[in-house]
Structures are given as structure tokens and as C-alpha cells.
PDB file of N, CA and C in Angstrom:
ATOM      1  N   UNK A   1     -11.537  -3.052  18.677  1.00  0.00           N
ATOM      2  CA  UNK A   1     -11.846  -1.245  17.879  1.00  0.00           C
ATOM      3  C   UNK A   1     -13.175  -1.822  17.260  1.00  0.00           C
ATOM      4  N   UNK A   2     -14.608  -0.891  17.555  1.00  0.00           N
ATOM      5  CA  UNK A   2     -15.876  -1.512  17.369  1.00  0.00           C
ATOM      6  C   UNK A   2     -15.957  -0.460  15.774  1.00  0.00           C
ATOM      7  N   UNK A   3     -16.717  -0.729  14.943  1.00  0.00           N
ATOM      8  CA  UNK A   3     -16.871  -0.150  13.623  1.00  0.00           C
ATOM      9  C   UNK A   3     -18.165  -0.551  13.353  1.00  0.00           C
ATOM     10  N   UNK A   4     -18.740   0.565  12.335  1.00  0.00           N
ATOM     11  CA  UNK A   4     -20.364   0.743  11.962  1.00  0.00           C
ATOM     12  C   UNK A   4     -20.451  -0.556  10.591  1.00  0.00           C
ATOM     13  N   UNK A   5     -20.873  -1.019   9.973  1.00  0.00           N
ATOM     14  CA  UNK A   5     -21.333  -1.588   9.052  1.00  0.00           C
ATOM     15  C   UNK A   5     -20.987  -1.005   8.135  1.00  0.00           C
ATOM     16  N   UNK A   6     -20.931   0.860   7.371  1.00  0.00           N
ATOM     17  CA  UNK A   6     -20.316   1.311   6.352  1.00  0.00           C
ATOM     18  C   UNK A   6     -18.900   1.338   6.494  1.00  0.00           C
ATOM     19  N   UNK A   7     -18.533   1.541   7.615  1.00  0.00           N
ATOM     20  CA  UNK A   7     -17.031   1.627   7.597  1.00  0.00           C
ATOM     21  C   UNK A   7     -16.327   0.896   7.463  1.00  0.00           C
ATOM     22  N   UNK A   8     -17.013  -1.046   8.256  1.00  0.00           N
ATOM     23  CA  UNK A   8     -16.343  -1.937   7.502  1.00  0.00           C
ATOM     24  C   UNK A   8     -16.129  -2.200   5.993  1.00  0.00           C
ATOM     25  N   UNK A   9     -17.787  -1.728   5.503  1.00  0.00           N
ATOM     26  CA  UNK A   9     -17.799  -1.894   4.057  1.00  0.00           C
ATOM     27  C   UNK A   9     -16.476  -1.145   3.323  1.00  0.00           C
ATOM     28  N   UNK A  10     -16.373  -0.021   4.033  1.00  0.00           N
ATOM     29  CA  UNK A  10     -15.259   0.789   3.384  1.00  0.00           C
ATOM     30  C   UNK A  10     -13.876   0.073   3.333  1.00  0.00           C
ATOM     31  N   UNK A  11     -13.523  -0.160   4.689  1.00  0.00           N
ATOM     32  CA  UNK A  11     -12.288  -0.726   4.943  1.00  0.00           C
ATOM     33  C   UNK A  11     -12.123  -2.158   4.547  1.00  0.00           C
ATOM     34  N   UNK A  12     -13.125  -3.096   4.237  1.00  0.00           N
ATOM     35  CA  UNK A  12     -12.518  -4.323   3.850  1.00  0.00           C
ATOM     36  C   UNK A  12     -13.417  -4.834   2.640  1.00  0.00           C
ATOM     37  N   UNK A  13     -13.977  -3.646   1.978  1.00  0.00           N
ATOM     38  CA  UNK A  13     -14.642  -3.560   0.484  1.00  0.00           C
ATOM     39  C   UNK A  13     -15.477  -5.040   0.672  1.00  0.00           C
ATOM     40  N   UNK A  14     -16.334  -5.204   1.523  1.00  0.00           N
ATOM     41  CA  UNK A  14     -17.598  -6.107   1.908  1.00  0.00           C
ATOM     42  C   UNK A  14     -18.812  -5.139   1.388  1.00  0.00           C
ATOM     43  N   UNK A  15     -19.796  -5.477   1.028  1.00  0.00           N
ATOM     44  CA  UNK A  15     -21.001  -4.702   0.721  1.00  0.00           C
ATOM     45  C   UNK A  15     -21.495  -5.370   2.115  1.00  0.00           C
ATOM     46  N   UNK A  16     -22.415  -4.121   2.325  1.00  0.00           N
ATOM     47  CA  UNK A  16     -23.417  -4.093   3.508  1.00  0.00           C
ATOM     48  C   UNK A  16     -24.215  -5.473   3.907  1.00  0.00           C
ATOM     49  N   UNK A  17     -24.471  -5.476   2.516  1.00  0.00           N
ATOM     50  CA  UNK A  17     -25.549  -6.955   2.517  1.00  0.00           C
ATOM     51  C   UNK A  17     -24.832  -7.893   2.989  1.00  0.00           C
ATOM     52  N   UNK A  18     -23.416  -8.164   2.518  1.00  0.00           N
ATOM     53  CA  UNK A  18     -22.786  -9.212   2.753  1.00  0.00           C
ATOM     54  C   UNK A  18     -22.280  -9.640   4.325  1.00  0.00           C
ATOM     55  N   UNK A  19     -22.346  -8.251   4.907  1.00  0.00           N
ATOM     56  CA  UNK A  19     -22.153  -8.165   6.563  1.00  0.00           C
ATOM     57  C   UNK A  19     -23.425  -8.603   7.102  1.00  0.00           C
ATOM     58  N   UNK A  20     -24.489  -8.119   6.466  1.00  0.00           N
ATOM     59  CA  UNK A  20     -25.746  -8.356   7.451  1.00  0.00           C
ATOM     60  C   UNK A  20     -26.160  -9.516   7.156  1.00  0.00           C
ATOM     61  N   UNK A  21     -25.475 -10.698   5.972  1.00  0.00           N
ATOM     62  CA  UNK A  21     -25.724 -11.577   6.204  1.00  0.00           C
ATOM     63  C   UNK A  21     -24.925 -12.842   7.150  1.00  0.00           C
ATOM     64  N   UNK A  22     -23.478 -12.438   7.261  1.00  0.00           N
ATOM     65  CA  UNK A  22     -22.416 -12.856   8.449  1.00  0.00           C
ATOM     66  C   UNK A  22     -23.098 -12.589   9.733  1.00  0.00           C
ATOM     67  N   UNK A  23     -23.741 -11.428  10.168  1.00  0.00           N
ATOM     68  CA  UNK A  23     -24.229 -11.408  11.364  1.00  0.00           C
ATOM     69  C   UNK A  23     -25.122 -12.329  11.740  1.00  0.00           C
ATOM     70  N   UNK A  24     -26.000 -12.968  10.853  1.00  0.00           N
ATOM     71  CA  UNK A  24     -27.185 -13.931  10.653  1.00  0.00           C
ATOM     72  C   UNK A  24     -26.693 -14.703  11.106  1.00  0.00           C
ATOM     73  N   UNK A  25     -25.440 -15.467  10.276  1.00  0.00           N
ATOM     74  CA  UNK A  25     -24.848 -16.650  10.237  1.00  0.00           C
ATOM     75  C   UNK A  25     -23.840 -16.401  11.772  1.00  0.00           C
ATOM     76  N   UNK A  26     -23.775 -15.524  12.672  1.00  0.00           N
ATOM     77  CA  UNK A  26     -23.293 -15.577  13.580  1.00  0.00           C
ATOM     78  C   UNK A  26     -21.836 -14.500  14.008  1.00  0.00           C
ATOM     79  N   UNK A  27     -21.990 -13.488  13.089  1.00  0.00           N
ATOM     80  CA  UNK A  27     -20.767 -12.420  13.277  1.00  0.00           C
ATOM     81  C   UNK A  27     -21.196 -12.051  14.710  1.00  0.00           C
ATOM     82  N   UNK A  28     -20.393 -11.556  15.531  1.00  0.00           N
ATOM     83  CA  UNK A  28     -20.833 -11.141  17.003  1.00  0.00           C
ATOM     84  C   UNK A  28     -21.013  -9.537  16.558  1.00  0.00           C
ATOM     85  N   UNK A  29     -22.373  -8.695  17.088  1.00  0.00           N
ATOM     86  CA  UNK A  29     -22.260  -7.568  17.131  1.00  0.00           C
ATOM     87  C   UNK A  29     -22.974  -6.781  18.127  1.00  0.00           C
ATOM     88  N   UNK A  30     -23.323  -5.737  18.570  1.00  0.00           N
ATOM     89  CA  UNK A  30     -24.066  -4.929  19.497  1.00  0.00           C
ATOM     90  C   UNK A  30     -24.780  -4.084  18.976  1.00  0.00           C
ATOM     91  N   UNK A  31     -25.720  -3.526  19.761  1.00  0.00           N
ATOM     92  CA  UNK A  31     -26.591  -2.163  19.532  1.00  0.00           C
ATOM     93  C   UNK A  31     -26.290  -1.003  20.520  1.00  0.00           C
ATOM     94  N   UNK A  32     -25.941   0.159  19.755  1.00  0.00           N
ATOM     95  CA  UNK A  32     -26.196   1.202  21.150  1.00  0.00           C
ATOM     96  C   UNK A  32     -27.416   1.359  21.619  1.00  0.00           C
ATOM     97  N   UNK A  33     -27.226   2.594  22.327  1.00  0.00           N
ATOM     98  CA  UNK A  33     -28.607   3.020  22.773  1.00  0.00           C
ATOM     99  C   UNK A  33     -29.579   3.565  21.484  1.00  0.00           C
ATOM    100  N   UNK A  34     -29.144   4.342  20.457  1.00  0.00           N
ATOM    101  CA  UNK A  34     -29.930   4.430  18.946  1.00  0.00           C
ATOM    102  C   UNK A  34     -29.985   3.631  18.594  1.00  0.00           C
ATOM    103  N   UNK A  35     -29.669   2.285  18.803  1.00  0.00           N
ATOM    104  CA  UNK A  35     -30.038   1.018  17.377  1.00  0.00           C
ATOM    105  C   UNK A  35     -29.131   0.776  16.744  1.00  0.00           C
ATOM    106  N   UNK A  36     -27.994   1.701  16.532  1.00  0.00           N
ATOM    107  CA  UNK A  36     -26.782   1.229  15.302  1.00  0.00           C
ATOM    108  C   UNK A  36     -26.389   0.117  15.941  1.00  0.00           C
ATOM    109  N   UNK A  37     -25.348  -0.142  14.927  1.00  0.00           N
ATOM    110  CA  UNK A  37     -25.011  -1.676  14.787  1.00  0.00           C
ATOM    111  C   UNK A  37     -23.485  -1.491  14.632  1.00  0.00           C
ATOM    112  N   UNK A  38     -22.815  -1.828  15.829  1.00  0.00           N
ATOM    113  CA  UNK A  38     -21.370  -1.600  15.915  1.00  0.00           C
ATOM    114  C   UNK A  38     -20.730  -3.305  15.910  1.00  0.00           C
ATOM    115  N   UNK A  39     -19.926  -3.562  15.283  1.00  0.00           N
ATOM    116  CA  UNK A  39     -18.975  -4.865  15.271  1.00  0.00           C
ATOM    117  C   UNK A  39     -17.223  -4.507  15.684  1.00  0.00           C
ATOM    118  N   UNK A  40     -17.045  -5.380  16.812  1.00  0.00           N
ATOM    119  CA  UNK A  40     -15.651  -5.536  17.061  1.00  0.00           C
ATOM    120  C   UNK A  40     -15.080  -6.083  15.828  1.00  0.00           C
ATOM    121  N   UNK A  41     -14.147  -5.348  15.832  1.00  0.00           N
ATOM    122  CA  UNK A  41     -12.922  -5.773  14.643  1.00  0.00           C
ATOM    123  C   UNK A  41     -12.348  -7.118  14.966  1.00  0.00           C
ATOM    124  N   UNK A  42     -11.916  -7.543  16.305  1.00  0.00           N
ATOM    125  CA  UNK A  42     -10.857  -8.817  16.369  1.00  0.00           C
ATOM    126  C   UNK A  42     -11.797 -10.234  16.177  1.00  0.00           C
ATOM    127  N   UNK A  43     -13.420  -9.491  17.166  1.00  0.00           N
ATOM    128  CA  UNK A  43     -14.103 -10.665  17.327  1.00  0.00           C
ATOM    129  C   UNK A  43     -14.372 -10.933  15.657  1.00  0.00           C
ATOM    130  N   UNK A  44     -14.830 -10.056  14.494  1.00  0.00           N
ATOM    131  CA  UNK A  44     -15.004 -10.610  13.427  1.00  0.00           C
ATOM    132  C   UNK A  44     -13.766 -11.490  12.814  1.00  0.00           C
ATOM    133  N   UNK A  45     -12.727 -11.009  12.863  1.00  0.00           N
ATOM    134  CA  UNK A  45     -11.568 -11.635  12.411  1.00  0.00           C
ATOM    135  C   UNK A  45     -11.476 -12.606  12.985  1.00  0.00           C
ATOM    136  N   UNK A  46     -11.677 -12.729  14.466  1.00  0.00           N
ATOM    137  CA  UNK A  46     -11.749 -14.509  15.009  1.00  0.00           C
ATOM    138  C   UNK A  46     -13.026 -15.277  14.144  1.00  0.00           C
ATOM    139  N   UNK A  47     -13.999 -14.514  14.195  1.00  0.00           N
ATOM    140  CA  UNK A  47     -14.881 -15.431  13.747  1.00  0.00           C
ATOM    141  C   UNK A  47     -14.904 -15.946  12.117  1.00  0.00           C
ATOM    142  N   UNK A  48     -14.212 -14.939  10.980  1.00  0.00           N
ATOM    143  CA  UNK A  48     -13.883 -15.210  10.077  1.00  0.00           C
ATOM    144  C   UNK A  48     -12.953 -16.451   9.880  1.00  0.00           C
ATOM    145  N   UNK A  49     -11.821 -16.481  10.923  1.00  0.00           N
ATOM    146  CA  UNK A  49     -10.983 -17.457  10.444  1.00  0.00           C
ATOM    147  C   UNK A  49     -11.114 -18.610  11.066  1.00  0.00           C
ATOM    148  N   UNK A  50     -12.241 -18.633  12.268  1.00  0.00           N
ATOM    149  CA  UNK A  50     -13.109 -19.831  12.718  1.00  0.00           C
ATOM    150  C   UNK A  50     -14.080 -20.868  11.519  1.00  0.00           C
ATOM    151  N   UNK A  51     -14.141 -19.655  10.745  1.00  0.00           N
ATOM    152  CA  UNK A  51     -15.973 -20.271   9.573  1.00  0.00           C
ATOM    153  C   UNK A  51     -14.883 -20.183   8.771  1.00  0.00           C
ATOM    154  N   UNK A  52     -14.332 -19.921   8.187  1.00  0.00           N
ATOM    155  CA  UNK A  52     -13.607 -19.891   6.710  1.00  0.00           C
ATOM    156  C   UNK A  52     -13.254 -21.717   6.147  1.00  0.00           C
ATOM    157  N   UNK A  53     -13.560 -22.232   5.293  1.00  0.00           N
ATOM    158  CA  UNK A  53     -12.877 -23.229   4.680  1.00  0.00           C
ATOM    159  C   UNK A  53     -11.572 -23.674   4.419  1.00  0.00           C
ATOM    160  N   UNK A  54     -11.213 -24.486   5.012  1.00  0.00           N
ATOM    161  CA  UNK A  54      -9.607 -24.903   4.649  1.00  0.00           C
ATOM    162  C   UNK A  54      -9.431 -24.927   2.945  1.00  0.00           C
ATOM    163  N   UNK A  55      -8.303 -24.662   2.833  1.00  0.00           N
ATOM    164  CA  UNK A  55      -8.011 -24.403   1.307  1.00  0.00           C
ATOM    165  C   UNK A  55      -7.242 -26.435   1.022  1.00  0.00           C
ATOM    166  N   UNK A  56      -7.962 -26.616  -0.293  1.00  0.00           N
ATOM    167  CA  UNK A  56      -7.523 -28.080  -0.784  1.00  0.00           C
ATOM    168  C   UNK A  56      -6.193 -27.739  -1.880  1.00  0.00           C
ATOM    169  N   UNK A  57      -5.159 -28.580  -1.253  1.00  0.00           N
ATOM    170  CA  UNK A  57      -3.841 -28.348  -2.296  1.00  0.00           C
ATOM    171  C   UNK A  57      -3.504 -29.725  -2.749  1.00  0.00           C
ATOM    172  N   UNK A  58      -4.660 -30.764  -2.689  1.00  0.00           N
ATOM    173  CA  UNK A  58      -4.055 -31.937  -3.490  1.00  0.00           C
ATOM    174  C   UNK A  58      -4.207 -31.650  -5.016  1.00  0.00           C
ATOM    175  N   UNK A  59      -3.506 -32.291  -5.930  1.00  0.00           N
ATOM    176  CA  UNK A  59      -3.779 -32.252  -7.265  1.00  0.00           C
ATOM    177  C   UNK A  59      -4.539 -33.264  -8.044  1.00  0.00           C
ATOM    178  N   UNK A  60      -5.413 -32.998  -8.741  1.00  0.00           N
ATOM    179  CA  UNK A  60      -6.373 -33.901  -9.352  1.00  0.00           C
ATOM    180  C   UNK A  60      -4.990 -35.009 -10.051  1.00  0.00           C
ATOM    181  N   UNK A  61      -5.825 -36.260 -10.173  1.00  0.00           N
ATOM    182  CA  UNK A  61      -5.844 -37.295 -10.874  1.00  0.00           C
ATOM    183  C   UNK A  61      -5.509 -37.224 -12.349  1.00  0.00           C
ATOM    184  N   UNK A  62      -4.961 -37.750 -12.991  1.00  0.00           N
ATOM    185  CA  UNK A  62      -5.200 -37.689 -14.623  1.00  0.00           C
ATOM    186  C   UNK A  62      -6.610 -37.882 -15.063  1.00  0.00           C
ATOM    187  N   UNK A  63      -7.200 -38.830 -14.552  1.00  0.00           N
ATOM    188  CA  UNK A  63      -8.769 -39.080 -14.842  1.00  0.00           C
ATOM    189  C   UNK A  63      -9.799 -38.728 -13.832  1.00  0.00           C
ATOM    190  N   UNK A  64      -9.063 -37.125 -12.945  1.00  0.00           N
ATOM    191  CA  UNK A  64     -10.424 -36.981 -12.595  1.00  0.00           C
ATOM    192  C   UNK A  64     -10.720 -35.125 -13.015  1.00  0.00           C
ATOM    193  N   UNK A  65     -11.778 -34.587 -12.509  1.00  0.00           N
ATOM    194  CA  UNK A  65     -11.987 -33.347 -12.834  1.00  0.00           C
ATOM    195  C   UNK A  65     -12.931 -32.697 -11.430  1.00  0.00           C
ATOM    196  N   UNK A  66     -12.971 -31.167 -11.075  1.00  0.00           N
ATOM    197  CA  UNK A  66     -13.670 -31.208 -10.157  1.00  0.00           C
ATOM    198  C   UNK A  66     -15.206 -31.049 -10.416  1.00  0.00           C
ATOM    199  N   UNK A  67     -15.926 -31.503  -9.412  1.00  0.00           N
ATOM    200  CA  UNK A  67     -17.190 -31.207  -9.076  1.00  0.00           C
ATOM    201  C   UNK A  67     -17.410 -29.594  -8.472  1.00  0.00           C
ATOM    202  N   UNK A  68     -18.132 -28.713  -9.265  1.00  0.00           N
ATOM    203  CA  UNK A  68     -18.475 -27.901  -8.539  1.00  0.00           C
ATOM    204  C   UNK A  68     -19.695 -27.994  -7.476  1.00  0.00           C
ATOM    205  N   UNK A  69     -20.471 -28.913  -8.225  1.00  0.00           N
ATOM    206  CA  UNK A  69     -21.717 -29.197  -7.267  1.00  0.00           C
ATOM    207  C   UNK A  69     -21.303 -30.044  -5.920  1.00  0.00           C
ATOM    208  N   UNK A  70     -20.833 -31.256  -6.003  1.00  0.00           N
ATOM    209  CA  UNK A  70     -20.499 -31.721  -5.157  1.00  0.00           C
ATOM    210  C   UNK A  70     -18.829 -30.805  -4.316  1.00  0.00           C
ATOM    211  N   UNK A  71     -18.429 -30.295  -4.810  1.00  0.00           N
ATOM    212  CA  UNK A  71     -17.374 -29.677  -4.236  1.00  0.00           C
ATOM    213  C   UNK A  71     -16.196 -30.280  -3.989  1.00  0.00           C
ATOM    214  N   UNK A  72     -15.643 -31.476  -4.723  1.00  0.00           N
ATOM    215  CA  UNK A  72     -14.794 -32.539  -4.468  1.00  0.00           C
ATOM    216  C   UNK A  72     -14.500 -33.101  -5.978  1.00  0.00           C
ATOM    217  N   UNK A  73     -13.053 -33.510  -6.133  1.00  0.00           N
ATOM    218  CA  UNK A  73     -12.893 -34.092  -6.758  1.00  0.00           C
ATOM    219  C   UNK A  73     -13.275 -35.487  -7.314  1.00  0.00           C
ATOM    220  N   UNK A  74     -13.714 -35.715  -8.753  1.00  0.00           N
ATOM    221  CA  UNK A  74     -14.441 -37.190  -8.852  1.00  0.00           C
ATOM    222  C   UNK A  74     -13.898 -37.402 -10.447  1.00  0.00           C
ATOM    223  N   UNK A  75     -14.154 -38.902 -10.576  1.00  0.00           N
ATOM    224  CA  UNK A  75     -13.200 -39.579 -11.970  1.00  0.00           C
ATOM    225  C   UNK A  75     -14.366 -39.139 -12.809  1.00  0.00           C
ATOM    226  N   UNK A  76     -13.597 -39.028 -14.048  1.00  0.00           N
ATOM    227  CA  UNK A  76     -13.870 -38.647 -15.571  1.00  0.00           C
ATOM    228  C   UNK A  76     -14.467 -39.911 -15.807  1.00  0.00           C
ATOM    229  N   UNK A  77     -16.059 -40.182 -16.315  1.00  0.00           N
ATOM    230  CA  UNK A  77     -16.188 -41.216 -16.618  1.00  0.00           C
ATOM    231  C   UNK A  77     -16.629 -41.467 -18.649  1.00  0.00           C
ATOM    232  N   UNK A  78     -16.148 -41.873 -18.882  1.00  0.00           N
ATOM    233  CA  UNK A  78     -16.373 -41.761 -20.446  1.00  0.00           C
ATOM    234  C   UNK A  78     -16.201 -40.032 -21.097  1.00  0.00           C
ATOM    235  N   UNK A  79     -15.009 -39.854 -20.542  1.00  0.00           N
ATOM    236  CA  UNK A  79     -14.907 -38.142 -21.223  1.00  0.00           C
ATOM    237  C   UNK A  79     -15.035 -37.853 -22.743  1.00  0.00           C
ATOM    238  N   UNK A  80     -15.670 -37.239 -23.134  1.00  0.00           N
ATOM    239  CA  UNK A  80     -15.547 -36.596 -24.590  1.00  0.00           C
ATOM    240  C   UNK A  80     -14.449 -35.498 -24.476  1.00  0.00           C
ATOM    241  N   UNK A  81     -13.906 -35.397 -25.840  1.00  0.00           N
ATOM    242  CA  UNK A  81     -12.532 -34.981 -25.811  1.00  0.00           C
ATOM    243  C   UNK A  81     -12.711 -33.912 -26.984  1.00  0.00           C
ATOM    244  N   UNK A  82     -12.710 -32.479 -27.149  1.00  0.00           N
ATOM    245  CA  UNK A  82     -12.399 -31.626 -27.857  1.00  0.00           C
ATOM    246  C   UNK A  82     -11.289 -30.942 -28.246  1.00  0.00           C
ATOM    247  N   UNK A  83     -11.085 -30.261 -29.067  1.00  0.00           N
ATOM    248  CA  UNK A  83      -9.512 -29.834 -29.129  1.00  0.00           C
ATOM    249  C   UNK A  83      -9.472 -28.354 -29.585  1.00  0.00           C
ATOM    250  N   UNK A  84      -8.925 -27.884 -29.365  1.00  0.00           N
ATOM    251  CA  UNK A  84      -8.788 -26.078 -30.161  1.00  0.00           C
ATOM    252  C   UNK A  84      -7.455 -25.591 -30.010  1.00  0.00           C
ATOM    253  N   UNK A  85      -6.818 -25.827 -31.041  1.00  0.00           N
ATOM    254  CA  UNK A  85      -5.316 -25.716 -30.743  1.00  0.00           C
ATOM    255  C   UNK A  85      -4.331 -26.235 -30.211  1.00  0.00           C
ATOM    256  N   UNK A  86      -3.889 -25.828 -29.166  1.00  0.00           N
ATOM    257  CA  UNK A  86      -2.812 -26.508 -28.144  1.00  0.00           C
ATOM    258  C   UNK A  86      -3.801 -26.645 -27.237  1.00  0.00           C
ATOM    259  N   UNK A  87      -5.132 -26.643 -27.038  1.00  0.00           N
ATOM    260  CA  UNK A  87      -5.926 -26.695 -26.215  1.00  0.00           C
ATOM    261  C   UNK A  87      -6.996 -27.809 -26.253  1.00  0.00           C
ATOM    262  N   UNK A  88      -7.163 -28.664 -25.069  1.00  0.00           N
ATOM    263  CA  UNK A  88      -8.140 -29.646 -24.719  1.00  0.00           C
ATOM    264  C   UNK A  88      -8.754 -30.039 -24.004  1.00  0.00           C
ATOM    265  N   UNK A  89     -10.106 -30.121 -24.658  1.00  0.00           N
ATOM    266  CA  UNK A  89     -11.160 -30.078 -23.184  1.00  0.00           C
ATOM    267  C   UNK A  89     -12.016 -31.532 -22.744  1.00  0.00           C
ATOM    268  N   UNK A  90     -11.834 -32.190 -21.670  1.00  0.00           N
ATOM    269  CA  UNK A  90     -12.507 -33.182 -21.340  1.00  0.00           C
ATOM    270  C   UNK A  90     -13.839 -32.384 -20.711  1.00  0.00           C
ATOM    271  N   UNK A  91     -15.101 -33.493 -21.228  1.00  0.00           N
ATOM    272  CA  UNK A  91     -16.393 -33.108 -20.569  1.00  0.00           C
ATOM    273  C   UNK A  91     -17.001 -34.717 -20.786  1.00  0.00           C
ATOM    274  N   UNK A  92     -17.389 -34.559 -19.073  1.00  0.00           N
ATOM    275  CA  UNK A  92     -18.558 -35.703 -18.647  1.00  0.00           C
ATOM    276  C   UNK A  92     -19.393 -34.906 -17.649  1.00  0.00           C
ATOM    277  N   UNK A  93     -20.086 -36.334 -17.228  1.00  0.00           N
ATOM    278  CA  UNK A  93     -20.735 -35.840 -15.807  1.00  0.00           C
ATOM    279  C   UNK A  93     -20.637 -36.691 -14.706  1.00  0.00           C
ATOM    280  N   UNK A  94     -20.625 -35.738 -13.538  1.00  0.00           N
ATOM    281  CA  UNK A  94     -20.185 -36.203 -12.507  1.00  0.00           C
ATOM    282  C   UNK A  94     -21.286 -37.602 -11.921  1.00  0.00           C
ATOM    283  N   UNK A  95     -20.307 -38.691 -11.986  1.00  0.00           N
ATOM    284  CA  UNK A  95     -21.022 -40.141 -11.603  1.00  0.00           C
ATOM    285  C   UNK A  95     -21.470 -39.807 -10.078  1.00  0.00           C
ATOM    286  N   UNK A  96     -21.670 -38.720  -9.523  1.00  0.00           N
ATOM    287  CA  UNK A  96     -22.625 -39.004  -7.982  1.00  0.00           C
ATOM    288  C   UNK A  96     -23.404 -38.043  -8.082  1.00  0.00           C
ATOM    289  N   UNK A  97     -23.290 -36.698  -8.782  1.00  0.00           N
ATOM    290  CA  UNK A  97     -24.692 -35.715  -8.863  1.00  0.00           C
ATOM    291  C   UNK A  97     -25.068 -35.627 -10.136  1.00  0.00           C
ATOM    292  N   UNK A  98     -24.382 -35.877 -11.512  1.00  0.00           N
ATOM    293  CA  UNK A  98     -24.890 -35.804 -12.570  1.00  0.00           C
ATOM    294  C   UNK A  98     -24.713 -34.406 -13.134  1.00  0.00           C
ATOM    295  N   UNK A  99     -24.607 -33.755 -12.052  1.00  0.00           N
ATOM    296  CA  UNK A  99     -23.887 -32.132 -12.933  1.00  0.00           C
ATOM    297  C   UNK A  99     -22.545 -32.591 -14.469  1.00  0.00           C
ATOM    298  N   UNK A 100     -22.468 -31.560 -15.330  1.00  0.00           N
ATOM    299  CA  UNK A 100     -21.738 -31.330 -16.108  1.00  0.00           C
ATOM    300  C   UNK A 100     -20.400 -30.987 -15.521  1.00  0.00           C
ATOM    301  N   UNK A 101     -19.110 -32.048 -15.562  1.00  0.00           N
ATOM    302  CA  UNK A 101     -17.841 -31.457 -15.130  1.00  0.00           C
ATOM    303  C   UNK A 101     -16.984 -31.348 -16.271  1.00  0.00           C
ATOM    304  N   UNK A 102     -15.922 -30.439 -16.119  1.00  0.00           N
ATOM    305  CA  UNK A 102     -15.056 -30.152 -17.097  1.00  0.00           C
ATOM    306  C   UNK A 102     -13.708 -30.114 -16.716  1.00  0.00           C
ATOM    307  N   UNK A 103     -12.612 -30.343 -17.682  1.00  0.00           N
ATOM    308  CA  UNK A 103     -11.011 -30.262 -17.235  1.00  0.00           C
ATOM    309  C   UNK A 103     -10.236 -30.117 -18.285  1.00  0.00           C
ATOM    310  N   UNK A 104      -9.656 -28.921 -18.547  1.00  0.00           N
ATOM    311  CA  UNK A 104      -8.927 -28.395 -19.561  1.00  0.00           C
ATOM    312  C   UNK A 104      -7.238 -28.804 -19.621  1.00  0.00           C
ATOM    313  N   UNK A 105      -6.823 -28.924 -20.377  1.00  0.00           N
ATOM    314  CA  UNK A 105      -5.301 -28.884 -20.213  1.00  0.00           C
ATOM    315  C   UNK A 105      -4.649 -28.400 -21.945  1.00  0.00           C
ATOM    316  N   UNK A 106      -3.245 -28.981 -21.931  1.00  0.00           N
ATOM    317  CA  UNK A 106      -2.773 -28.920 -23.256  1.00  0.00           C
ATOM    318  C   UNK A 106      -2.439 -30.349 -23.796  1.00  0.00           C
ATOM    319  N   UNK A 107      -2.257 -30.616 -25.248  1.00  0.00           N
ATOM    320  CA  UNK A 107      -2.106 -31.670 -25.998  1.00  0.00           C
ATOM    321  C   UNK A 107      -1.135 -32.134 -25.287  1.00  0.00           C
ATOM    322  N   UNK A 108      -1.551 -33.659 -25.021  1.00  0.00           N
ATOM    323  CA  UNK A 108      -0.510 -34.672 -24.510  1.00  0.00           C
ATOM    324  C   UNK A 108      -0.814 -34.541 -23.117  1.00  0.00           C
ATOM    325  N   UNK A 109      -1.217 -33.882 -22.505  1.00  0.00           N
ATOM    326  CA  UNK A 109      -1.730 -33.549 -20.266  1.00  0.00           C
ATOM    327  C   UNK A 109      -3.031 -33.406 -20.849  1.00  0.00           C
ATOM    328  N   UNK A 110      -3.532 -34.163 -19.621  1.00  0.00           N
ATOM    329  CA  UNK A 110      -5.055 -33.952 -19.487  1.00  0.00           C
ATOM    330  C   UNK A 110      -5.501 -33.062 -18.747  1.00  0.00           C
TER     331      UNK A 110
END
């Protein structure tokens, strides 16, 4: 079934600006004689499945934290520890990119 950008915005609750960005990244679409944009729902679903990133399900080690810039688990080197009540926060910098990394937990659990 063919959809307009407005219909997809309402149906998927995705802003038109995101839909247009997806079109630039390869979502298949077509124009009618009047120049209106139409997107095939099945082709959009297939494109999303093909391009979405796989979920990572690996547990972090006791000496690891997740670096948001590198998008992977890295070792905590010389972490600074802060305690608030039952919460503990370990802070360090990523050994690969230098970004701040944090890891929270409870007392006795890193």
C-alpha cells in the first residue's frame, strides 16, 4: 500500500523530517504526476529491517563501562568512585577516545 509522508507521520508517529532523512539514506519512494511523494509501506518495512542495528546483549564485565562515543564496552581505567546512599557511580575516561564514561550500581556491586 502506498502512503504519503503525512499518513506515515500519523501512523508511525515519526516526524516528516525524519522520513525525509530516511529518504536521503535510501528509503524507496516515488512521485506521482503532481509531484507528490508516495512510499510503499512494505518496502519501507523491509528497508528498516535491513538497516537497523543489531541489539547487543553482552553483559558488561565488573571492570567495564559503555562508551557512548565509541559505541562499545571499554575498560574502566583508574575509576573515581562516588557514593550517594545506596548508589555508587564509577567515573573514568574512555581509553580509546578520551570521552567521559560512567557506570552506576549499588554498594557491593560495580
